[in-house]
C-alpha cells in the first residue's frame, strides 16, 4: 500500500480534518483517506447534457406532477403580399 505526504496545509484546515475525524471516531489519516476515496469515486467526466446533469441531481428527491395547459392551434401566418 502506498503513502503520500501533503505539505503546506493550513493549520485551520488540518484542525478541521482532525475534528471531522474525531466526530466520526476516526483518525485524521483515516478521515483524509475516506475524503479522497469518496471524491475519486465520483465521475470525473462532466456530463455532456445539461438536462441529464440536472435530472441526475434532482431525481433522488422525487418527482413532481405538473399540469400542462392545453395546446391551441397556431395562428395563421401573416400574408405580406
N, C-alpha and C. Protein backbone atom coordinates (compact mmCIF):
# COMPACT_ATOMS: atom_id res chain seq x y z
N UNK A 1 0.85 -1.16 0.00
CA UNK A 1 0.00 0.00 0.00
C UNK A 1 0.89 1.23 0.00
N UNK A 2 0.53 2.22 -0.81
CA UNK A 2 1.33 3.43 -0.95
C UNK A 2 1.01 4.45 0.12
N UNK A 3 1.85 5.46 0.18
CA UNK A 3 1.61 6.56 1.11
C UNK A 3 1.99 7.86 0.41
N UNK A 4 1.40 8.96 0.88
CA UNK A 4 1.72 10.28 0.33
C UNK A 4 1.95 11.25 1.48
N UNK A 5 2.68 12.30 1.19
CA UNK A 5 2.89 13.37 2.15
C UNK A 5 2.35 14.65 1.53
N UNK A 6 1.53 15.35 2.27
CA UNK A 6 0.96 16.60 1.77
C UNK A 6 1.55 17.73 2.61
N UNK A 7 2.28 18.60 1.96
CA UNK A 7 2.94 19.69 2.66
C UNK A 7 2.13 20.99 2.55
N UNK A 8 2.45 21.91 3.43
CA UNK A 8 1.89 23.27 3.40
C UNK A 8 0.37 23.30 3.55
N UNK A 9 -0.17 22.51 4.45
CA UNK A 9 -1.60 22.55 4.76
C UNK A 9 -1.80 23.60 5.85
N UNK A 10 -2.78 24.47 5.65
CA UNK A 10 -3.09 25.47 6.67
C UNK A 10 -3.43 24.80 7.99
N UNK A 11 -3.05 25.45 9.08
CA UNK A 11 -3.37 24.92 10.40
C UNK A 11 -4.88 24.78 10.60
N UNK A 12 -5.64 25.74 10.07
CA UNK A 12 -7.11 25.68 10.21
C UNK A 12 -7.67 24.47 9.48
N UNK A 13 -7.16 24.18 8.28
CA UNK A 13 -7.63 23.03 7.51
C UNK A 13 -7.27 21.72 8.22
N UNK A 14 -6.06 21.65 8.75
CA UNK A 14 -5.63 20.46 9.47
C UNK A 14 -6.50 20.26 10.71
N UNK A 15 -6.83 21.34 11.40
CA UNK A 15 -7.67 21.25 12.59
C UNK A 15 -9.08 20.77 12.21
N UNK A 16 -9.63 21.29 11.10
CA UNK A 16 -10.95 20.84 10.64
C UNK A 16 -10.94 19.35 10.33
N UNK A 17 -9.88 18.89 9.68
CA UNK A 17 -9.77 17.47 9.34
C UNK A 17 -9.68 16.63 10.60
N UNK A 18 -8.91 17.09 11.58
CA UNK A 18 -8.79 16.36 12.84
C UNK A 18 -10.14 16.29 13.55
N UNK A 19 -10.85 17.43 13.61
CA UNK A 19 -12.16 17.46 14.28
C UNK A 19 -13.19 16.61 13.54
N UNK A 20 -13.17 16.67 12.22
CA UNK A 20 -14.11 15.87 11.43
C UNK A 20 -13.89 14.38 11.68
N UNK A 21 -12.63 13.98 11.71
CA UNK A 21 -12.31 12.59 12.01
C UNK A 21 -12.75 12.20 13.41
N UNK A 22 -12.53 13.08 14.39
CA UNK A 22 -12.91 12.78 15.78
C UNK A 22 -14.42 12.62 15.90
N UNK A 23 -15.18 13.43 15.18
CA UNK A 23 -16.65 13.31 15.22
C UNK A 23 -17.12 11.98 14.65
N UNK A 24 -16.32 11.40 13.78
CA UNK A 24 -16.68 10.11 13.16
C UNK A 24 -15.90 8.94 13.77
N UNK A 25 -15.27 9.20 14.90
CA UNK A 25 -14.47 8.18 15.59
C UNK A 25 -13.39 7.60 14.69
N UNK A 26 -12.71 8.48 13.96
CA UNK A 26 -11.63 8.06 13.07
C UNK A 26 -10.40 8.92 13.35
N UNK A 27 -9.27 8.40 12.92
CA UNK A 27 -8.06 9.20 12.99
C UNK A 27 -8.09 10.24 11.87
N UNK A 28 -7.22 11.22 11.97
CA UNK A 28 -7.14 12.25 10.94
C UNK A 28 -6.74 11.61 9.61
N UNK A 29 -5.81 10.66 9.64
CA UNK A 29 -5.38 9.98 8.42
C UNK A 29 -6.50 9.18 7.78
N UNK A 30 -7.28 8.46 8.59
CA UNK A 30 -8.39 7.68 8.04
C UNK A 30 -9.46 8.60 7.46
N UNK A 31 -9.68 9.73 8.10
CA UNK A 31 -10.66 10.69 7.57
C UNK A 31 -10.19 11.23 6.23
N UNK A 32 -8.92 11.56 6.12
CA UNK A 32 -8.37 12.06 4.85
C UNK A 32 -8.49 11.00 3.76
N UNK A 33 -8.20 9.73 4.10
CA UNK A 33 -8.33 8.64 3.12
C UNK A 33 -9.78 8.49 2.66
N UNK A 34 -10.73 8.62 3.60
CA UNK A 34 -12.13 8.49 3.24
C UNK A 34 -12.58 9.64 2.34
N UNK A 35 -12.13 10.85 2.62
CA UNK A 35 -12.46 12.00 1.79
C UNK A 35 -11.92 11.79 0.37
N UNK A 36 -10.68 11.36 0.26
CA UNK A 36 -10.09 11.10 -1.06
C UNK A 36 -10.83 9.98 -1.78
N UNK A 37 -11.13 8.91 -1.06
CA UNK A 37 -11.85 7.76 -1.65
C UNK A 37 -13.20 8.21 -2.20
N UNK A 38 -13.93 9.00 -1.43
CA UNK A 38 -15.25 9.48 -1.84
C UNK A 38 -15.14 10.42 -3.04
N UNK A 39 -14.20 11.34 -2.99
CA UNK A 39 -14.05 12.32 -4.08
C UNK A 39 -13.65 11.63 -5.38
N UNK A 40 -12.80 10.63 -5.30
CA UNK A 40 -12.32 9.97 -6.51
C UNK A 40 -13.29 8.91 -7.03
N UNK A 41 -14.26 8.51 -6.22
CA UNK A 41 -15.25 7.53 -6.67
C UNK A 41 -16.29 8.18 -7.57
N UNK A 42 -16.46 9.49 -7.48
CA UNK A 42 -17.42 10.20 -8.31
C UNK A 42 -16.93 10.25 -9.75
N UNK A 43 -17.86 10.40 -10.68
CA UNK A 43 -17.49 10.55 -12.08
C UNK A 43 -16.70 11.83 -12.26
N UNK A 44 -15.53 11.70 -12.85
CA UNK A 44 -14.70 12.87 -13.04
C UNK A 44 -14.99 13.55 -14.38
N UNK A 45 -15.72 12.87 -15.27
CA UNK A 45 -16.06 13.44 -16.56
C UNK A 45 -17.41 14.11 -16.45
N UNK A 46 -17.48 15.41 -16.71
CA UNK A 46 -18.78 16.08 -16.62
C UNK A 46 -19.72 15.58 -17.71
N UNK A 47 -21.02 15.51 -17.40
CA UNK A 47 -21.95 15.05 -18.43
C UNK A 47 -22.03 16.04 -19.57
N UNK A 48 -22.29 15.51 -20.76
CA UNK A 48 -22.38 16.36 -21.95
C UNK A 48 -23.71 17.07 -22.05
N UNK A 49 -24.69 16.60 -21.33
CA UNK A 49 -26.04 17.11 -21.48
C UNK A 49 -26.47 17.79 -20.19
N UNK A 50 -26.81 19.07 -20.24
CA UNK A 50 -27.20 19.81 -19.05
C UNK A 50 -28.46 19.23 -18.43
N UNK A 51 -29.43 18.87 -19.27
CA UNK A 51 -30.67 18.30 -18.76
C UNK A 51 -30.40 17.00 -17.99
N UNK A 52 -29.50 16.18 -18.51
CA UNK A 52 -29.14 14.94 -17.84
C UNK A 52 -28.49 15.23 -16.49
N UNK A 53 -27.61 16.23 -16.44
CA UNK A 53 -26.93 16.58 -15.19
C UNK A 53 -27.94 17.07 -14.15
N UNK A 54 -28.90 17.88 -14.58
CA UNK A 54 -29.91 18.39 -13.65
C UNK A 54 -30.78 17.24 -13.16
N UNK A 55 -31.21 16.37 -14.07
CA UNK A 55 -32.05 15.22 -13.69
C UNK A 55 -31.32 14.32 -12.69
N UNK A 56 -30.03 14.11 -12.90
CA UNK A 56 -29.25 13.24 -12.01
C UNK A 56 -29.23 13.80 -10.59
N UNK A 57 -29.17 15.12 -10.46
CA UNK A 57 -29.17 15.74 -9.13
C UNK A 57 -30.55 15.76 -8.49
N UNK A 58 -31.58 16.00 -9.28
CA UNK A 58 -32.92 16.22 -8.74
C UNK A 58 -33.70 14.92 -8.57
N UNK A 59 -33.48 13.93 -9.42
CA UNK A 59 -34.28 12.70 -9.42
C UNK A 59 -34.35 12.00 -8.06
N UNK A 60 -33.26 11.92 -7.29
CA UNK A 60 -33.36 11.26 -5.98
C UNK A 60 -34.31 11.95 -5.01
N UNK A 61 -34.64 13.22 -5.26
CA UNK A 61 -35.52 13.95 -4.37
C UNK A 61 -36.99 13.63 -4.61
N UNK A 62 -37.31 12.96 -5.70
CA UNK A 62 -38.70 12.61 -6.02
C UNK A 62 -39.22 13.44 -7.17
N UNK A 63 -40.29 12.97 -7.75
CA UNK A 63 -40.86 13.63 -8.92
C UNK A 63 -41.89 14.68 -8.56
N UNK A 64 -42.26 15.44 -9.54
CA UNK A 64 -43.29 16.46 -9.40
C UNK A 64 -44.23 16.32 -10.58
N UNK A 65 -45.51 16.27 -10.29
CA UNK A 65 -46.50 16.20 -11.35
C UNK A 65 -46.96 17.62 -11.67
N UNK A 66 -46.79 18.02 -12.89
CA UNK A 66 -47.20 19.35 -13.32
C UNK A 66 -48.39 19.22 -14.26
N UNK A 67 -49.34 20.13 -14.12
CA UNK A 67 -50.45 20.15 -15.06
C UNK A 67 -50.06 21.04 -16.22
N UNK A 68 -50.12 20.49 -17.41
CA UNK A 68 -49.74 21.24 -18.60
C UNK A 68 -50.98 21.87 -19.22
N UNK A 69 -50.88 23.10 -19.65
CA UNK A 69 -52.04 23.72 -20.29
C UNK A 69 -52.32 23.07 -21.63
N UNK A 70 -53.58 23.12 -22.06
CA UNK A 70 -53.92 22.54 -23.35
C UNK A 70 -53.30 23.39 -24.45
N UNK A 71 -52.98 22.73 -25.53
CA UNK A 71 -52.37 23.42 -26.65
C UNK A 71 -53.44 23.91 -27.61
N UNK A 72 -53.27 25.10 -28.10
CA UNK A 72 -54.18 25.67 -29.06
C UNK A 72 -53.55 25.61 -30.44
N UNK A 73 -54.39 25.60 -31.48
CA UNK A 73 -53.81 25.60 -32.82
C UNK A 73 -53.04 26.90 -33.05
N UNK A 74 -52.05 26.83 -33.89
CA UNK A 74 -51.24 28.01 -34.20
C UNK A 74 -52.06 28.99 -35.03
N UNK A 75 -51.77 30.26 -34.85
CA UNK A 75 -52.39 31.29 -35.68
C UNK A 75 -51.89 31.16 -37.11
N UNK A 76 -52.72 31.60 -38.03
CA UNK A 76 -52.31 31.60 -39.42
C UNK A 76 -51.19 32.63 -39.60
N UNK A 77 -50.18 32.31 -40.41
CA UNK A 77 -49.10 33.29 -40.63
C UNK A 77 -49.63 34.52 -41.36
N UNK A 78 -48.99 35.64 -41.14
CA UNK A 78 -49.38 36.90 -41.78
C UNK A 78 -49.01 36.84 -43.25
N UNK A 79 -49.92 37.27 -44.08
CA UNK A 79 -49.66 37.30 -45.52
C UNK A 79 -49.19 38.71 -45.88
N UNK A 80 -47.96 38.87 -46.33
CA UNK A 80 -47.39 40.18 -46.67
C UNK A 80 -47.55 40.55 -48.14
N UNK A 81 -48.33 39.78 -48.86
CA UNK A 81 -48.49 40.10 -50.30
C UNK A 81 -49.49 41.17 -50.55
